[in-house]
Amino acid sequence: MGQLIIVPTPVGNLGDITLRSIEVFKQCDLIFAEDTRVTQKLLQHLGIKKPIVSFHAHNEHKVLNKAIAQIQTHTCVVLVSDAGTPGISDPGFLLVRECVKQEIEVSCLPGPTAFVPALVASGFPCDRFVFEGFLPLKKGRQTRIKELALEQRTVVLYESPHRLLKCLIQLQDAFGPTRNICVARELSKRFEEFVRGNISEAIAHFQANEPRGEIVLIIAGNED
């Protein structure tokens, strides 16, 4: 029976790929990728050629049984997302759950995950925190934001650049304008940026400076 290995990939700087990840890429039989083009570029950078199969949020239910069959007929299959660790706000959970159900060996290499460097560099307590990933786009969004406003632990969110300002304004309404926040942008890349201050100051900054790239929001817990 085969094995599934989850391999984290760099969130920006390709130098963050680990030596162990490279060895697994070299030894595996097949790679499941969120975007085959992104993974192909990474493999080309590493000088590695492997067959790549599409496995993403829009097809994972449809191809799940086929994916399990492919793992069972190969010695080693790798799962990657576009960046970071699969399963963390990226496809992966369904496949891992089914592998466990089918008693297929699953392992996950340590490696890049965007929220960890953002949290550690934020200056907020990181001994206890709550990771929410992306907030619901519509149904339940306001309710969740109001719940998080009462959270005493540091709150970690993901957000896209084109929704950032709207999100910050919604957070200001629920958390108050003086709640401290750190907006981490373009982590590990050339234009990495940490915008620290309160929520109203963050809004003013991104009204004057168009946000770009992947974004992590770190919000101070409710001290009241």
N, C-alpha and C. Protein backbone atom coordinates (compact mmCIF):
# COMPACT_ATOMS: atom_id res chain seq x y z
N MET A 1 0.84 -1.20 0.00
CA MET A 1 0.00 0.00 0.00
C MET A 1 0.88 1.25 0.00
N GLY A 2 0.43 2.29 -0.68
CA GLY A 2 1.22 3.50 -0.82
C GLY A 2 1.25 4.38 0.41
N GLN A 3 1.87 5.52 0.23
CA GLN A 3 2.03 6.49 1.31
C GLN A 3 1.76 7.88 0.77
N LEU A 4 1.10 8.72 1.56
CA LEU A 4 0.89 10.12 1.21
C LEU A 4 1.78 10.98 2.09
N ILE A 5 2.58 11.84 1.46
CA ILE A 5 3.43 12.77 2.19
C ILE A 5 3.00 14.19 1.84
N ILE A 6 2.66 14.97 2.86
CA ILE A 6 2.28 16.37 2.67
C ILE A 6 3.54 17.22 2.76
N VAL A 7 3.80 17.99 1.71
CA VAL A 7 5.03 18.77 1.64
C VAL A 7 4.70 20.26 1.59
N PRO A 8 5.06 21.02 2.62
CA PRO A 8 4.88 22.47 2.57
C PRO A 8 5.83 23.08 1.54
N THR A 9 5.37 24.12 0.86
CA THR A 9 6.21 24.80 -0.13
C THR A 9 6.33 26.28 0.23
N PRO A 10 7.37 26.96 -0.24
CA PRO A 10 7.61 28.35 0.15
C PRO A 10 6.42 29.27 -0.09
N VAL A 11 6.18 30.20 0.85
CA VAL A 11 5.10 31.17 0.70
C VAL A 11 5.53 32.35 -0.16
N GLY A 12 6.80 32.41 -0.52
CA GLY A 12 7.29 33.49 -1.36
C GLY A 12 8.71 33.24 -1.81
N ASN A 13 9.62 33.20 -0.86
CA ASN A 13 11.04 33.01 -1.15
C ASN A 13 11.34 31.54 -1.37
N LEU A 14 11.76 31.18 -2.59
CA LEU A 14 12.02 29.77 -2.91
C LEU A 14 13.16 29.19 -2.08
N GLY A 15 13.97 30.05 -1.47
CA GLY A 15 15.05 29.58 -0.62
C GLY A 15 14.56 28.93 0.66
N ASP A 16 13.25 29.06 0.94
CA ASP A 16 12.70 28.47 2.16
C ASP A 16 12.34 27.00 2.00
N ILE A 17 12.49 26.43 0.81
CA ILE A 17 12.25 25.00 0.64
C ILE A 17 13.27 24.23 1.46
N THR A 18 12.86 23.17 2.13
CA THR A 18 13.79 22.42 2.98
C THR A 18 14.50 21.33 2.19
N LEU A 19 15.66 20.92 2.68
CA LEU A 19 16.42 19.85 2.04
C LEU A 19 15.63 18.55 2.03
N ARG A 20 14.90 18.32 3.11
CA ARG A 20 14.09 17.09 3.19
C ARG A 20 12.96 17.11 2.17
N SER A 21 12.36 18.28 1.96
CA SER A 21 11.30 18.39 0.95
C SER A 21 11.84 18.08 -0.43
N ILE A 22 13.02 18.56 -0.73
CA ILE A 22 13.65 18.30 -2.03
C ILE A 22 13.87 16.80 -2.22
N GLU A 23 14.34 16.13 -1.18
CA GLU A 23 14.58 14.69 -1.26
C GLU A 23 13.27 13.93 -1.51
N VAL A 24 12.20 14.36 -0.84
CA VAL A 24 10.90 13.71 -1.03
C VAL A 24 10.41 13.92 -2.46
N PHE A 25 10.57 15.12 -2.99
CA PHE A 25 10.20 15.37 -4.38
C PHE A 25 10.96 14.44 -5.33
N LYS A 26 12.22 14.23 -5.06
CA LYS A 26 13.05 13.39 -5.92
C LYS A 26 12.62 11.92 -5.86
N GLN A 27 12.18 11.49 -4.69
CA GLN A 27 11.88 10.07 -4.49
C GLN A 27 10.42 9.69 -4.79
N CYS A 28 9.52 10.66 -4.82
CA CYS A 28 8.10 10.33 -4.97
C CYS A 28 7.77 9.86 -6.38
N ASP A 29 6.62 9.20 -6.51
CA ASP A 29 6.16 8.70 -7.80
C ASP A 29 5.23 9.68 -8.50
N LEU A 30 4.50 10.48 -7.70
CA LEU A 30 3.44 11.33 -8.25
C LEU A 30 3.20 12.49 -7.29
N ILE A 31 2.80 13.64 -7.85
CA ILE A 31 2.52 14.82 -7.04
C ILE A 31 1.10 15.31 -7.30
N PHE A 32 0.31 15.47 -6.25
CA PHE A 32 -0.98 16.12 -6.33
C PHE A 32 -0.75 17.61 -6.05
N ALA A 33 -1.21 18.49 -6.94
CA ALA A 33 -0.92 19.91 -6.80
C ALA A 33 -2.17 20.76 -6.92
N GLU A 34 -2.23 21.81 -6.10
CA GLU A 34 -3.36 22.75 -6.17
C GLU A 34 -3.38 23.45 -7.52
N ASP A 35 -2.22 23.85 -8.01
CA ASP A 35 -2.09 24.45 -9.34
C ASP A 35 -0.86 23.82 -9.99
N THR A 36 -1.07 23.03 -11.02
CA THR A 36 0.03 22.29 -11.64
C THR A 36 1.08 23.23 -12.20
N ARG A 37 0.68 24.42 -12.65
CA ARG A 37 1.65 25.36 -13.23
C ARG A 37 2.59 25.91 -12.16
N VAL A 38 2.03 26.23 -11.00
CA VAL A 38 2.85 26.74 -9.90
C VAL A 38 3.85 25.68 -9.44
N THR A 39 3.36 24.45 -9.29
CA THR A 39 4.24 23.36 -8.85
C THR A 39 5.30 23.04 -9.89
N GLN A 40 4.94 23.12 -11.17
CA GLN A 40 5.90 22.86 -12.23
C GLN A 40 7.04 23.87 -12.19
N LYS A 41 6.73 25.13 -11.91
CA LYS A 41 7.77 26.16 -11.80
C LYS A 41 8.72 25.85 -10.65
N LEU A 42 8.15 25.40 -9.52
CA LEU A 42 8.99 25.05 -8.37
C LEU A 42 9.90 23.88 -8.70
N LEU A 43 9.36 22.85 -9.34
CA LEU A 43 10.17 21.69 -9.70
C LEU A 43 11.25 22.06 -10.71
N GLN A 44 10.93 22.92 -11.65
CA GLN A 44 11.93 23.38 -12.61
C GLN A 44 13.06 24.12 -11.91
N HIS A 45 12.69 24.94 -10.91
CA HIS A 45 13.69 25.65 -10.12
C HIS A 45 14.63 24.67 -9.41
N LEU A 46 14.05 23.54 -8.97
CA LEU A 46 14.83 22.53 -8.24
C LEU A 46 15.50 21.52 -9.17
N GLY A 47 15.20 21.59 -10.47
CA GLY A 47 15.78 20.64 -11.43
C GLY A 47 15.20 19.25 -11.29
N ILE A 48 13.92 19.16 -10.97
CA ILE A 48 13.26 17.87 -10.75
C ILE A 48 12.10 17.70 -11.73
N LYS A 49 11.95 16.50 -12.28
CA LYS A 49 10.84 16.19 -13.17
C LYS A 49 10.00 15.06 -12.56
N LYS A 50 8.73 15.34 -12.36
CA LYS A 50 7.80 14.35 -11.81
C LYS A 50 6.42 14.56 -12.43
N PRO A 51 5.63 13.50 -12.56
CA PRO A 51 4.24 13.67 -13.02
C PRO A 51 3.42 14.43 -11.98
N ILE A 52 2.59 15.36 -12.45
CA ILE A 52 1.80 16.20 -11.56
C ILE A 52 0.33 16.07 -11.93
N VAL A 53 -0.52 15.89 -10.92
CA VAL A 53 -1.95 15.76 -11.12
C VAL A 53 -2.66 16.88 -10.37
N SER A 54 -3.69 17.46 -11.00
CA SER A 54 -4.43 18.56 -10.38
C SER A 54 -5.29 18.06 -9.22
N PHE A 55 -5.18 18.72 -8.07
CA PHE A 55 -6.01 18.41 -6.90
C PHE A 55 -6.24 19.72 -6.16
N HIS A 56 -7.44 20.30 -6.32
CA HIS A 56 -7.71 21.62 -5.75
C HIS A 56 -9.12 21.68 -5.17
N ALA A 57 -9.47 22.84 -4.62
CA ALA A 57 -10.73 22.98 -3.90
C ALA A 57 -11.95 22.74 -4.78
N HIS A 58 -11.82 22.95 -6.09
CA HIS A 58 -12.97 22.82 -6.98
C HIS A 58 -13.15 21.40 -7.53
N ASN A 59 -12.14 20.54 -7.35
CA ASN A 59 -12.30 19.18 -7.88
C ASN A 59 -12.04 18.08 -6.85
N GLU A 60 -11.68 18.46 -5.61
CA GLU A 60 -11.24 17.44 -4.64
C GLU A 60 -12.33 16.43 -4.31
N HIS A 61 -13.58 16.85 -4.25
CA HIS A 61 -14.66 15.88 -4.00
C HIS A 61 -14.81 14.92 -5.18
N LYS A 62 -14.71 15.46 -6.38
CA LYS A 62 -14.92 14.67 -7.59
C LYS A 62 -13.82 13.63 -7.81
N VAL A 63 -12.58 14.01 -7.51
CA VAL A 63 -11.44 13.12 -7.83
C VAL A 63 -10.93 12.37 -6.61
N LEU A 64 -11.60 12.50 -5.46
CA LEU A 64 -11.10 11.91 -4.23
C LEU A 64 -10.87 10.41 -4.34
N ASN A 65 -11.87 9.67 -4.83
CA ASN A 65 -11.73 8.21 -4.93
C ASN A 65 -10.61 7.81 -5.88
N LYS A 66 -10.49 8.55 -6.98
CA LYS A 66 -9.41 8.28 -7.93
C LYS A 66 -8.05 8.56 -7.30
N ALA A 67 -7.98 9.64 -6.51
CA ALA A 67 -6.73 9.98 -5.84
C ALA A 67 -6.31 8.88 -4.86
N ILE A 68 -7.28 8.36 -4.12
CA ILE A 68 -6.99 7.27 -3.18
C ILE A 68 -6.46 6.05 -3.93
N ALA A 69 -7.08 5.73 -5.06
CA ALA A 69 -6.63 4.60 -5.86
C ALA A 69 -5.22 4.81 -6.37
N GLN A 70 -4.89 6.04 -6.74
CA GLN A 70 -3.54 6.33 -7.23
C GLN A 70 -2.51 6.18 -6.11
N ILE A 71 -2.87 6.62 -4.92
CA ILE A 71 -1.95 6.46 -3.79
C ILE A 71 -1.72 4.98 -3.49
N GLN A 72 -2.78 4.20 -3.56
CA GLN A 72 -2.68 2.77 -3.24
C GLN A 72 -1.86 2.00 -4.27
N THR A 73 -1.74 2.53 -5.48
CA THR A 73 -0.99 1.83 -6.52
C THR A 73 0.42 2.38 -6.71
N HIS A 74 0.81 3.36 -5.89
CA HIS A 74 2.16 3.92 -5.95
C HIS A 74 2.83 3.75 -4.59
N THR A 75 4.13 3.84 -4.59
CA THR A 75 4.87 3.74 -3.33
C THR A 75 4.77 5.01 -2.52
N CYS A 76 4.90 6.17 -3.21
CA CYS A 76 4.90 7.45 -2.51
C CYS A 76 4.24 8.52 -3.36
N VAL A 77 3.21 9.17 -2.82
CA VAL A 77 2.54 10.28 -3.49
C VAL A 77 2.65 11.51 -2.59
N VAL A 78 2.92 12.66 -3.22
CA VAL A 78 3.09 13.92 -2.49
C VAL A 78 1.90 14.84 -2.74
N LEU A 79 1.49 15.57 -1.72
CA LEU A 79 0.45 16.58 -1.85
C LEU A 79 1.06 17.94 -1.55
N VAL A 80 0.87 18.91 -2.47
CA VAL A 80 1.34 20.27 -2.25
C VAL A 80 0.22 21.26 -2.59
N SER A 81 0.29 22.43 -1.99
CA SER A 81 -0.59 23.53 -2.38
C SER A 81 0.27 24.57 -3.11
N ASP A 82 -0.33 25.68 -3.49
CA ASP A 82 0.45 26.71 -4.20
C ASP A 82 1.57 27.25 -3.32
N ALA A 83 1.29 27.40 -2.03
CA ALA A 83 2.27 27.93 -1.09
C ALA A 83 1.84 27.57 0.33
N GLY A 84 2.81 27.30 1.17
CA GLY A 84 2.50 26.96 2.55
C GLY A 84 2.18 25.48 2.73
N THR A 85 1.48 25.17 3.80
CA THR A 85 1.18 23.79 4.16
C THR A 85 -0.23 23.39 3.73
N PRO A 86 -0.36 22.36 2.90
CA PRO A 86 -1.70 21.90 2.50
C PRO A 86 -2.56 21.59 3.72
N GLY A 87 -3.85 21.92 3.62
CA GLY A 87 -4.75 21.70 4.74
C GLY A 87 -4.96 22.93 5.60
N ILE A 88 -4.00 23.85 5.58
CA ILE A 88 -4.12 25.11 6.32
C ILE A 88 -4.68 26.16 5.36
N SER A 89 -6.00 26.31 5.35
CA SER A 89 -6.69 27.21 4.41
C SER A 89 -6.37 26.86 2.96
N ASP A 90 -6.07 25.62 2.71
CA ASP A 90 -5.80 25.10 1.37
C ASP A 90 -6.33 23.66 1.30
N PRO A 91 -6.56 23.13 0.10
CA PRO A 91 -7.04 21.74 -0.02
C PRO A 91 -6.09 20.76 0.67
N GLY A 92 -6.65 19.69 1.19
CA GLY A 92 -5.83 18.66 1.84
C GLY A 92 -6.59 17.85 2.87
N PHE A 93 -7.48 18.50 3.61
CA PHE A 93 -8.18 17.81 4.69
C PHE A 93 -8.95 16.59 4.20
N LEU A 94 -9.72 16.72 3.13
CA LEU A 94 -10.53 15.61 2.64
C LEU A 94 -9.67 14.41 2.28
N LEU A 95 -8.55 14.68 1.61
CA LEU A 95 -7.67 13.59 1.18
C LEU A 95 -7.03 12.90 2.38
N VAL A 96 -6.56 13.69 3.32
CA VAL A 96 -5.93 13.12 4.52
C VAL A 96 -6.94 12.29 5.30
N ARG A 97 -8.14 12.81 5.48
CA ARG A 97 -9.17 12.08 6.23
C ARG A 97 -9.49 10.74 5.58
N GLU A 98 -9.59 10.74 4.25
CA GLU A 98 -9.90 9.50 3.55
C GLU A 98 -8.74 8.51 3.62
N CYS A 99 -7.52 9.02 3.56
CA CYS A 99 -6.35 8.14 3.69
C CYS A 99 -6.33 7.47 5.06
N VAL A 100 -6.62 8.25 6.09
CA VAL A 100 -6.66 7.69 7.45
C VAL A 100 -7.75 6.63 7.54
N LYS A 101 -8.89 6.91 6.93
CA LYS A 101 -10.00 5.96 6.91
C LYS A 101 -9.61 4.67 6.21
N GLN A 102 -8.85 4.79 5.12
CA GLN A 102 -8.43 3.63 4.34
C GLN A 102 -7.14 2.99 4.89
N GLU A 103 -6.66 3.52 6.02
CA GLU A 103 -5.44 3.01 6.68
C GLU A 103 -4.21 3.15 5.79
N ILE A 104 -4.19 4.24 5.04
CA ILE A 104 -3.02 4.59 4.24
C ILE A 104 -2.10 5.46 5.09
N GLU A 105 -0.82 5.19 5.07
CA GLU A 105 0.13 5.96 5.88
C GLU A 105 0.18 7.41 5.40
N VAL A 106 0.08 8.34 6.34
CA VAL A 106 0.14 9.77 6.03
C VAL A 106 1.19 10.42 6.92
N SER A 107 2.03 11.25 6.30
CA SER A 107 2.99 12.03 7.08
C SER A 107 3.03 13.44 6.51
N CYS A 108 3.45 14.39 7.33
CA CYS A 108 3.52 15.79 6.92
C CYS A 108 4.87 16.37 7.33
N LEU A 109 5.60 16.91 6.36
CA LEU A 109 6.89 17.51 6.67
C LEU A 109 6.69 18.88 7.33
N PRO A 110 7.59 19.26 8.22
CA PRO A 110 7.55 20.63 8.75
C PRO A 110 8.01 21.59 7.66
N GLY A 111 7.50 22.80 7.70
CA GLY A 111 7.90 23.76 6.68
C GLY A 111 7.07 25.02 6.71
N PRO A 112 7.10 25.80 5.63
CA PRO A 112 6.47 27.12 5.61
C PRO A 112 4.97 27.10 5.85
N THR A 113 4.50 28.02 6.68
CA THR A 113 3.09 28.31 6.89
C THR A 113 3.00 29.81 7.17
N ALA A 114 2.23 30.54 6.37
CA ALA A 114 2.29 32.01 6.41
C ALA A 114 1.99 32.61 7.77
N PHE A 115 1.03 32.04 8.51
CA PHE A 115 0.63 32.73 9.74
C PHE A 115 1.67 32.65 10.85
N VAL A 116 2.57 31.68 10.81
CA VAL A 116 3.53 31.53 11.91
C VAL A 116 4.52 32.70 11.96
N PRO A 117 5.24 33.03 10.87
CA PRO A 117 6.13 34.19 10.96
C PRO A 117 5.39 35.49 11.20
N ALA A 118 4.17 35.62 10.66
CA ALA A 118 3.38 36.83 10.89
C ALA A 118 3.05 36.98 12.36
N LEU A 119 2.64 35.89 12.99
CA LEU A 119 2.27 35.91 14.41
C LEU A 119 3.48 36.21 15.29
N VAL A 120 4.57 35.54 15.04
CA VAL A 120 5.76 35.70 15.88
C VAL A 120 6.33 37.12 15.77
N ALA A 121 6.30 37.69 14.55
CA ALA A 121 6.87 39.01 14.33
C ALA A 121 5.90 40.15 14.66
N SER A 122 4.67 39.81 14.99
CA SER A 122 3.66 40.85 15.25
C SER A 122 3.93 41.63 16.53
N GLY A 123 4.55 40.99 17.49
CA GLY A 123 4.75 41.62 18.79
C GLY A 123 3.62 41.34 19.77
N PHE A 124 2.61 40.58 19.33
CA PHE A 124 1.50 40.21 20.19
C PHE A 124 1.78 38.85 20.85
N PRO A 125 1.14 38.57 21.97
CA PRO A 125 1.35 37.27 22.62
C PRO A 125 1.03 36.11 21.67
N CYS A 126 1.94 35.16 21.59
CA CYS A 126 1.71 34.02 20.70
C CYS A 126 1.78 32.69 21.44
N ASP A 127 1.72 32.75 22.77
CA ASP A 127 1.66 31.51 23.54
C ASP A 127 0.26 30.91 23.47
N ARG A 128 -0.74 31.79 23.30
CA ARG A 128 -2.13 31.35 23.11
C ARG A 128 -2.75 32.21 22.02
N PHE A 129 -3.27 31.57 20.99
CA PHE A 129 -3.87 32.33 19.90
C PHE A 129 -4.94 31.48 19.23
N VAL A 130 -5.80 32.14 18.43
CA VAL A 130 -6.84 31.45 17.69
C VAL A 130 -6.64 31.74 16.21
N PHE A 131 -6.52 30.68 15.41
CA PHE A 131 -6.35 30.82 13.97
C PHE A 131 -7.68 30.60 13.28
N GLU A 132 -8.16 31.61 12.55
CA GLU A 132 -9.46 31.54 11.89
C GLU A 132 -9.35 31.36 10.38
N GLY A 133 -8.16 31.55 9.82
CA GLY A 133 -8.03 31.47 8.37
C GLY A 133 -8.85 32.57 7.71
N PHE A 134 -9.52 32.26 6.59
CA PHE A 134 -10.37 33.23 5.92
C PHE A 134 -11.75 33.26 6.58
N LEU A 135 -12.25 34.45 6.85
CA LEU A 135 -13.60 34.59 7.38
C LEU A 135 -14.63 34.23 6.31
N PRO A 136 -15.84 33.82 6.71
CA PRO A 136 -16.88 33.56 5.71
C PRO A 136 -17.10 34.80 4.85
N LEU A 137 -17.32 34.61 3.56
CA LEU A 137 -17.50 35.75 2.68
C LEU A 137 -18.84 36.44 2.89
N LYS A 138 -19.89 35.67 3.17
CA LYS A 138 -21.22 36.26 3.32
C LYS A 138 -21.91 35.75 4.58
N LYS A 139 -22.57 34.61 4.47
CA LYS A 139 -23.36 34.07 5.57
C LYS A 139 -22.50 33.80 6.81
N GLY A 140 -22.87 34.39 7.91
CA GLY A 140 -22.18 34.16 9.16
C GLY A 140 -20.97 35.04 9.40
N ARG A 141 -20.62 35.89 8.45
CA ARG A 141 -19.40 36.70 8.58
C ARG A 141 -19.50 37.69 9.75
N GLN A 142 -20.57 38.47 9.79
CA GLN A 142 -20.71 39.47 10.85
C GLN A 142 -20.81 38.82 12.23
N THR A 143 -21.51 37.71 12.30
CA THR A 143 -21.63 36.99 13.57
C THR A 143 -20.26 36.52 14.05
N ARG A 144 -19.48 35.99 13.13
CA ARG A 144 -18.14 35.49 13.51
C ARG A 144 -17.24 36.64 13.96
N ILE A 145 -17.30 37.77 13.26
CA ILE A 145 -16.48 38.92 13.64
C ILE A 145 -16.83 39.41 15.04
N LYS A 146 -18.13 39.45 15.35
CA LYS A 146 -18.56 39.89 16.67
C LYS A 146 -18.09 38.92 17.76
N GLU A 147 -18.08 37.64 17.45
CA GLU A 147 -17.59 36.64 18.41
C GLU A 147 -16.09 36.82 18.65
N LEU A 148 -15.36 37.08 17.56
CA LEU A 148 -13.90 37.24 17.68
C LEU A 148 -13.53 38.51 18.43
N ALA A 149 -14.40 39.51 18.40
CA ALA A 149 -14.13 40.76 19.11
C ALA A 149 -14.04 40.53 20.62
N LEU A 150 -14.68 39.45 21.10
CA LEU A 150 -14.67 39.13 22.53
C LEU A 150 -13.52 38.19 22.90
N GLU A 151 -12.84 37.65 21.90
CA GLU A 151 -11.78 36.68 22.12
C GLU A 151 -10.59 37.31 22.86
N GLN A 152 -10.16 36.68 23.95
CA GLN A 152 -9.04 37.21 24.73
C GLN A 152 -7.69 36.82 24.16
N ARG A 153 -7.67 35.77 23.36
CA ARG A 153 -6.40 35.35 22.74
C ARG A 153 -6.12 36.18 21.49
N THR A 154 -4.88 36.19 21.06
CA THR A 154 -4.52 36.83 19.80
C THR A 154 -5.27 36.15 18.66
N VAL A 155 -5.81 36.94 17.75
CA VAL A 155 -6.61 36.42 16.64
C VAL A 155 -5.81 36.51 15.34
N VAL A 156 -5.81 35.42 14.58
CA VAL A 156 -5.06 35.35 13.32
C VAL A 156 -6.03 35.10 12.17
N LEU A 157 -5.99 35.96 11.16
CA LEU A 157 -6.87 35.84 9.99
C LEU A 157 -6.04 35.91 8.71
N TYR A 158 -6.58 35.32 7.65
CA TYR A 158 -6.05 35.52 6.30
C TYR A 158 -7.02 36.44 5.56
N GLU A 159 -6.51 37.25 4.63
CA GLU A 159 -7.37 38.08 3.81
C GLU A 159 -6.71 38.36 2.47
N SER A 160 -7.51 38.56 1.46
CA SER A 160 -6.99 38.89 0.13
C SER A 160 -6.84 40.40 0.02
N PRO A 161 -5.94 40.88 -0.84
CA PRO A 161 -5.70 42.32 -0.93
C PRO A 161 -6.93 43.12 -1.36
N HIS A 162 -7.74 42.58 -2.27
CA HIS A 162 -8.88 43.36 -2.75
C HIS A 162 -10.02 43.43 -1.74
N ARG A 163 -9.98 42.61 -0.69
CA ARG A 163 -11.00 42.66 0.36
C ARG A 163 -10.47 43.25 1.66
N LEU A 164 -9.19 43.63 1.69
CA LEU A 164 -8.56 44.02 2.95
C LEU A 164 -9.23 45.24 3.59
N LEU A 165 -9.42 46.31 2.84
CA LEU A 165 -9.99 47.52 3.42
C LEU A 165 -11.40 47.28 3.97
N LYS A 166 -12.21 46.57 3.22
CA LYS A 166 -13.56 46.25 3.68
C LYS A 166 -13.50 45.45 4.98
N CYS A 167 -12.56 44.51 5.04
CA CYS A 167 -12.40 43.68 6.23
C CYS A 167 -11.97 44.53 7.43
N LEU A 168 -11.02 45.43 7.22
CA LEU A 168 -10.54 46.28 8.31
C LEU A 168 -11.65 47.18 8.84
N ILE A 169 -12.48 47.70 7.95
CA ILE A 169 -13.60 48.55 8.38
C ILE A 169 -14.60 47.73 9.20
N GLN A 170 -14.87 46.49 8.79
CA GLN A 170 -15.77 45.63 9.55
C GLN A 170 -15.17 45.29 10.91
N LEU A 171 -13.87 45.06 10.95
CA LEU A 171 -13.20 44.78 12.22
C LEU A 171 -13.25 46.01 13.13
N GLN A 172 -13.08 47.19 12.55
CA GLN A 172 -13.14 48.42 13.34
C GLN A 172 -14.51 48.60 13.98
N ASP A 173 -15.56 48.26 13.24
CA ASP A 173 -16.91 48.39 13.77
C ASP A 173 -17.14 47.46 14.97
N ALA A 174 -16.55 46.27 14.92
CA ALA A 174 -16.78 45.27 15.97
C ALA A 174 -15.74 45.34 17.10
N PHE A 175 -14.48 45.55 16.74
CA PHE A 175 -13.39 45.54 17.72
C PHE A 175 -13.14 46.92 18.31
N GLY A 176 -13.57 47.97 17.59
CA GLY A 176 -13.28 49.34 18.00
C GLY A 176 -12.04 49.84 17.28
N PRO A 177 -11.93 51.14 17.04
CA PRO A 177 -10.82 51.70 16.26
C PRO A 177 -9.47 51.64 16.96
N THR A 178 -9.47 51.47 18.28
CA THR A 178 -8.20 51.51 19.01
C THR A 178 -7.59 50.14 19.27
N ARG A 179 -8.28 49.08 18.85
CA ARG A 179 -7.71 47.73 19.03
C ARG A 179 -6.46 47.60 18.18
N ASN A 180 -5.38 47.13 18.77
CA ASN A 180 -4.11 47.01 18.05
C ASN A 180 -4.14 45.85 17.05
N ILE A 181 -3.46 46.07 15.92
CA ILE A 181 -3.44 45.09 14.85
C ILE A 181 -2.08 45.13 14.16
N CYS A 182 -1.70 44.02 13.59
CA CYS A 182 -0.50 43.95 12.74
C CYS A 182 -0.92 43.32 11.42
N VAL A 183 -0.71 44.04 10.33
CA VAL A 183 -1.02 43.53 9.00
C VAL A 183 0.30 43.12 8.34
N ALA A 184 0.46 41.83 8.15
CA ALA A 184 1.69 41.30 7.55
C ALA A 184 1.42 41.00 6.08
N ARG A 185 2.29 41.51 5.22
CA ARG A 185 2.05 41.43 3.78
C ARG A 185 3.30 40.95 3.05
N GLU A 186 3.11 40.12 2.03
CA GLU A 186 4.21 39.66 1.18
C GLU A 186 5.33 39.01 2.00
N LEU A 187 4.97 38.13 2.91
CA LEU A 187 5.94 37.50 3.79
C LEU A 187 7.03 36.76 3.00
N SER A 188 8.25 36.95 3.41
CA SER A 188 9.47 36.33 2.86
C SER A 188 9.84 36.86 1.49
N LYS A 189 9.06 37.78 0.93
CA LYS A 189 9.35 38.32 -0.39
C LYS A 189 10.11 39.65 -0.29
N ARG A 190 10.47 40.19 -1.41
CA ARG A 190 11.28 41.41 -1.47
C ARG A 190 10.61 42.58 -0.77
N PHE A 191 9.29 42.71 -0.95
CA PHE A 191 8.57 43.86 -0.39
C PHE A 191 7.77 43.47 0.86
N GLU A 192 8.32 42.57 1.66
CA GLU A 192 7.68 42.19 2.91
C GLU A 192 7.40 43.43 3.75
N GLU A 193 6.21 43.48 4.36
CA GLU A 193 5.81 44.65 5.14
C GLU A 193 5.00 44.25 6.35
N PHE A 194 5.29 44.91 7.48
CA PHE A 194 4.48 44.75 8.69
C PHE A 194 3.93 46.12 9.04
N VAL A 195 2.62 46.27 8.99
CA VAL A 195 1.98 47.53 9.37
C VAL A 195 1.40 47.34 10.77
N ARG A 196 2.00 48.01 11.75
CA ARG A 196 1.59 47.87 13.15
C ARG A 196 0.94 49.14 13.65
N GLY A 197 -0.06 49.00 14.50
CA GLY A 197 -0.77 50.15 15.06
C GLY A 197 -2.16 49.72 15.43
N ASN A 198 -3.08 50.69 15.57
CA ASN A 198 -4.46 50.29 15.82
C ASN A 198 -5.21 50.14 14.50
N ILE A 199 -6.44 49.66 14.57
CA ILE A 199 -7.18 49.35 13.34
C ILE A 199 -7.43 50.60 12.50
N SER A 200 -7.74 51.71 13.14
CA SER A 200 -8.00 52.94 12.38
C SER A 200 -6.74 53.39 11.65
N GLU A 201 -5.58 53.22 12.26
CA GLU A 201 -4.32 53.59 11.61
C GLU A 201 -4.02 52.66 10.44
N ALA A 202 -4.36 51.39 10.59
CA ALA A 202 -4.17 50.44 9.49
C ALA A 202 -5.06 50.81 8.30
N ILE A 203 -6.30 51.22 8.59
CA ILE A 203 -7.21 51.63 7.52
C ILE A 203 -6.64 52.82 6.77
N ALA A 204 -6.16 53.82 7.52
CA ALA A 204 -5.58 55.02 6.89
C ALA A 204 -4.38 54.65 6.03
N HIS A 205 -3.56 53.72 6.51
CA HIS A 205 -2.37 53.32 5.75
C HIS A 205 -2.75 52.70 4.41
N PHE A 206 -3.72 51.79 4.43
CA PHE A 206 -4.06 51.08 3.19
C PHE A 206 -5.03 51.87 2.30
N GLN A 207 -5.62 52.94 2.84
CA GLN A 207 -6.34 53.86 1.98
C GLN A 207 -5.36 54.68 1.15
N ALA A 208 -4.18 54.92 1.73
CA ALA A 208 -3.15 55.70 1.03
C ALA A 208 -2.21 54.81 0.22
N ASN A 209 -2.16 53.53 0.57
CA ASN A 209 -1.26 52.60 -0.11
C ASN A 209 -2.03 51.35 -0.51
N GLU A 210 -2.23 51.16 -1.80
CA GLU A 210 -3.01 50.01 -2.28
C GLU A 210 -2.39 48.70 -1.81
N PRO A 211 -3.15 47.86 -1.11
CA PRO A 211 -2.59 46.59 -0.63
C PRO A 211 -2.39 45.60 -1.77
N ARG A 212 -1.29 44.88 -1.72
CA ARG A 212 -0.99 43.86 -2.72
C ARG A 212 -0.41 42.64 -2.03
N GLY A 213 -0.53 41.50 -2.68
CA GLY A 213 0.07 40.28 -2.17
C GLY A 213 -0.77 39.59 -1.12
N GLU A 214 -0.26 38.47 -0.64
CA GLU A 214 -0.96 37.69 0.39
C GLU A 214 -0.86 38.41 1.73
N ILE A 215 -1.94 38.34 2.52
CA ILE A 215 -2.01 39.14 3.74
C ILE A 215 -2.43 38.29 4.94
N VAL A 216 -1.76 38.52 6.07
CA VAL A 216 -2.13 37.91 7.35
C VAL A 216 -2.43 39.03 8.34
N LEU A 217 -3.57 38.93 9.01
CA LEU A 217 -3.96 39.90 10.03
C LEU A 217 -3.75 39.29 11.41
N ILE A 218 -3.03 40.02 12.25
CA ILE A 218 -2.83 39.59 13.64
C ILE A 218 -3.46 40.66 14.53
N ILE A 219 -4.46 40.26 15.31
CA ILE A 219 -5.23 41.23 16.10
C ILE A 219 -5.07 40.92 17.58
N ALA A 220 -4.79 41.96 18.35
CA ALA A 220 -4.63 41.79 19.80
C ALA A 220 -5.92 41.28 20.41
N GLY A 221 -5.79 40.46 21.44
CA GLY A 221 -6.96 39.94 22.12
C GLY A 221 -7.68 41.02 22.92
N ASN A 222 -8.91 40.73 23.29
CA ASN A 222 -9.72 41.65 24.09
C ASN A 222 -9.24 41.64 25.54
N GLU A 223 -8.71 42.75 26.01
CA GLU A 223 -8.17 42.82 27.36
C GLU A 223 -9.23 43.21 28.38
N ASP A 224 -10.44 43.53 27.90
CA ASP A 224 -11.52 43.94 28.82
C ASP A 224 -12.25 42.74 29.41
